[in-house]
Amino acid sequence: MNHAKSYTVQEATKKIEGYCAYQDRCHKEVISKLKEMGMIPLAVDTIIAQLIEDRFLNEERFAKSFARGKFNIKKWGKNRIVRELKFRNISKYNITTALKEIEPEAYLTALDDLAHKRLRQITETNIQKRRKKLADYLLYRGWESHLVYEKTFELIK
């Protein structure tokens, strides 16, 4: 038997403000959280509007901090960041703005560091297989294919 707590709009708003204050959230995450709390669509819309007005919810800010975080901490490439932001229904404009948070020099340095680090872990002796393993790893992490193949051929001769 499910005894889910029911919330008033004010209670739900307070709870979600805390959820948003803890870390930047996208609209999709907040809507999903409100639905989990059993809020009806009208209440969800009301709460979302209030959160935006009170600056608890800001998709551009979310996209920027998401891009910075995934790049700096997880070393994701732009393709992976874009894919994840699209999955969260972030607008093309906000995705473009978010990618500007990544400095071009830092981006290439991170790719170089990641490629060197991964290459030290690959024990394969066959040159083609080594290249493939390195390229597959970098592509999975969302790095652009032209950069990946350039780096792979630079490191494995």
Protein backbone atom coordinates (compact mmCIF):
# COMPACT_ATOMS: atom_id res chain seq x y z
CA MET A 1 0.00 0.00 0.00
CA ASN A 2 1.45 3.37 -1.05
CA HIS A 3 1.00 6.20 1.47
CA ALA A 4 2.69 8.98 -0.49
CA LYS A 5 2.76 12.30 1.30
CA SER A 6 0.57 14.92 -0.38
CA TYR A 7 1.88 18.47 -0.64
CA THR A 8 0.20 21.83 -0.93
CA VAL A 9 1.54 24.12 -3.68
CA GLN A 10 3.37 26.16 -0.99
CA GLU A 11 4.95 23.08 0.61
CA ALA A 12 5.98 21.66 -2.76
CA THR A 13 7.42 25.04 -3.79
CA LYS A 14 9.54 25.22 -0.61
CA LYS A 15 10.77 21.65 -1.07
CA ILE A 16 11.66 22.24 -4.73
CA GLU A 17 13.39 25.56 -3.90
CA GLY A 18 15.73 23.54 -1.69
CA TYR A 19 16.19 20.98 -4.45
CA CYS A 20 17.13 23.78 -6.90
CA ALA A 21 19.29 25.66 -4.39
CA TYR A 22 21.40 22.54 -3.74
CA GLN A 23 22.53 22.47 -7.37
CA ASP A 24 21.40 23.94 -10.69
CA ARG A 25 18.55 21.93 -12.19
CA CYS A 26 16.92 21.85 -15.61
CA HIS A 27 13.17 22.15 -16.09
CA LYS A 28 12.90 18.45 -17.00
CA GLU A 29 14.43 17.36 -13.65
CA VAL A 30 12.19 19.70 -11.64
CA ILE A 31 9.03 18.68 -13.50
CA SER A 32 9.88 15.02 -12.99
CA LYS A 33 10.50 15.63 -9.26
CA LEU A 34 7.17 17.46 -8.90
CA LYS A 35 5.34 14.62 -10.66
CA GLU A 36 7.02 12.13 -8.27
CA MET A 37 5.63 14.27 -5.44
CA GLY A 38 2.15 13.75 -6.92
CA MET A 39 1.58 17.31 -8.07
CA ILE A 40 -1.07 17.90 -10.76
CA PRO A 41 -0.09 19.59 -14.07
CA LEU A 42 -1.64 22.95 -13.10
CA ALA A 43 0.33 22.98 -9.82
CA VAL A 44 3.51 21.95 -11.68
CA ASP A 45 3.13 24.90 -14.09
CA THR A 46 2.42 27.31 -11.22
CA ILE A 47 5.48 26.13 -9.25
CA ILE A 48 7.78 26.20 -12.32
CA ALA A 49 6.69 29.80 -13.08
CA GLN A 50 7.37 30.79 -9.45
CA LEU A 51 10.81 29.12 -9.47
CA ILE A 52 11.78 30.96 -12.65
CA GLU A 53 10.53 34.27 -11.26
CA ASP A 54 12.48 33.75 -8.01
CA ARG A 55 15.59 32.72 -9.99
CA PHE A 56 15.74 29.20 -8.55
CA LEU A 57 15.35 27.82 -12.07
CA ASN A 58 17.39 29.16 -14.97
CA GLU A 59 18.10 26.91 -17.97
CA GLU A 60 20.98 29.03 -19.27
CA ARG A 61 22.71 28.94 -15.88
CA PHE A 62 22.05 25.18 -15.66
CA ALA A 63 23.48 24.55 -19.15
CA LYS A 64 26.61 26.59 -18.41
CA SER A 65 27.35 24.91 -15.09
CA PHE A 66 26.55 21.47 -16.58
CA ALA A 67 28.99 22.03 -19.47
CA ARG A 68 31.73 23.37 -17.17
CA GLY A 69 31.29 20.55 -14.69
CA LYS A 70 31.21 17.67 -17.16
CA PHE A 71 34.21 19.07 -19.02
CA ASN A 72 36.33 19.95 -15.97
CA ILE A 73 35.48 16.95 -13.82
CA LYS A 74 34.55 14.12 -16.18
CA LYS A 75 36.62 15.32 -19.17
CA TRP A 76 33.69 14.95 -21.57
CA GLY A 77 34.02 16.27 -25.11
CA LYS A 78 31.54 18.71 -26.64
CA ASN A 79 29.55 16.01 -28.48
CA ARG A 80 28.73 14.20 -25.23
CA ILE A 81 27.86 17.46 -23.46
CA VAL A 82 25.55 18.50 -26.32
CA ARG A 83 23.89 15.06 -26.37
CA GLU A 84 23.25 15.15 -22.61
CA LEU A 85 21.89 18.71 -22.73
CA LYS A 86 19.56 17.81 -25.62
CA PHE A 87 18.35 14.82 -23.60
CA ARG A 88 17.41 17.33 -20.88
CA ASN A 89 15.43 19.40 -23.44
CA ILE A 90 17.80 22.38 -23.28
CA SER A 91 17.36 24.86 -26.16
CA LYS A 92 19.88 25.12 -29.00
CA TYR A 93 20.61 28.71 -27.91
CA ASN A 94 21.45 27.65 -24.34
CA ILE A 95 23.57 24.73 -25.57
CA THR A 96 25.60 27.09 -27.78
CA THR A 97 26.00 29.52 -24.87
CA ALA A 98 27.06 26.67 -22.55
CA LEU A 99 29.79 25.46 -24.92
CA LYS A 100 31.35 28.94 -24.85
CA GLU A 101 32.18 28.21 -21.18
CA ILE A 102 34.92 25.84 -22.39
CA GLU A 103 38.16 27.59 -23.36
CA PRO A 104 39.56 26.26 -26.69
CA GLU A 105 43.11 25.89 -25.29
CA ALA A 106 41.87 24.07 -22.19
CA TYR A 107 39.75 21.83 -24.43
CA LEU A 108 42.71 20.69 -26.54
CA THR A 109 44.92 20.30 -23.47
CA ALA A 110 42.29 18.09 -21.82
CA LEU A 111 42.05 15.93 -24.95
CA ASP A 112 45.83 15.56 -25.01
CA ASP A 113 46.01 14.65 -21.30
CA LEU A 114 43.13 12.19 -21.58
CA ALA A 115 44.62 10.54 -24.69
CA HIS A 116 48.06 10.15 -23.06
CA LYS A 117 46.55 8.78 -19.86
CA ARG A 118 44.39 6.25 -21.75
CA LEU A 119 47.25 5.23 -24.02
CA ARG A 120 49.34 4.25 -20.97
CA GLN A 121 46.51 1.88 -19.95
CA ILE A 122 46.22 0.15 -23.35
CA THR A 123 48.35 -3.00 -23.42
CA GLU A 124 47.54 -3.96 -27.03
CA THR A 125 50.68 -4.27 -29.18
CA ASN A 126 49.06 -4.25 -32.65
CA ILE A 127 49.23 -0.62 -33.89
CA GLN A 128 45.83 -0.69 -35.62
CA LYS A 129 44.12 -2.20 -32.58
CA ARG A 130 45.85 0.31 -30.27
CA ARG A 131 44.60 3.17 -32.44
CA LYS A 132 41.09 1.73 -32.50
CA LYS A 133 40.98 1.29 -28.72
CA LEU A 134 42.18 4.84 -28.11
CA ALA A 135 39.82 6.32 -30.71
CA ASP A 136 36.82 4.35 -29.42
CA TYR A 137 37.50 5.53 -25.87
CA LEU A 138 37.77 9.20 -26.87
CA LEU A 139 34.72 9.05 -29.15
CA TYR A 140 32.69 7.46 -26.35
CA ARG A 141 33.68 10.37 -24.11
CA GLY A 142 32.21 12.71 -26.71
CA TRP A 143 35.26 14.15 -28.40
CA GLU A 144 34.86 15.22 -32.04
CA SER A 145 36.00 12.58 -34.54
CA HIS A 146 38.41 14.85 -36.47
CA LEU A 147 40.21 15.73 -33.21
CA VAL A 148 40.22 12.09 -32.08
CA TYR A 149 41.72 10.74 -35.30
CA GLU A 150 44.28 13.55 -35.47
CA LYS A 151 45.35 12.84 -31.86
CA THR A 152 45.35 9.05 -32.34
CA PHE A 153 47.65 9.23 -35.37
CA GLU A 154 49.87 11.78 -33.62
CA LEU A 155 50.37 9.49 -30.60
CA ILE A 156 50.48 6.04 -32.26
CA LYS A 157 52.84 5.88 -35.21
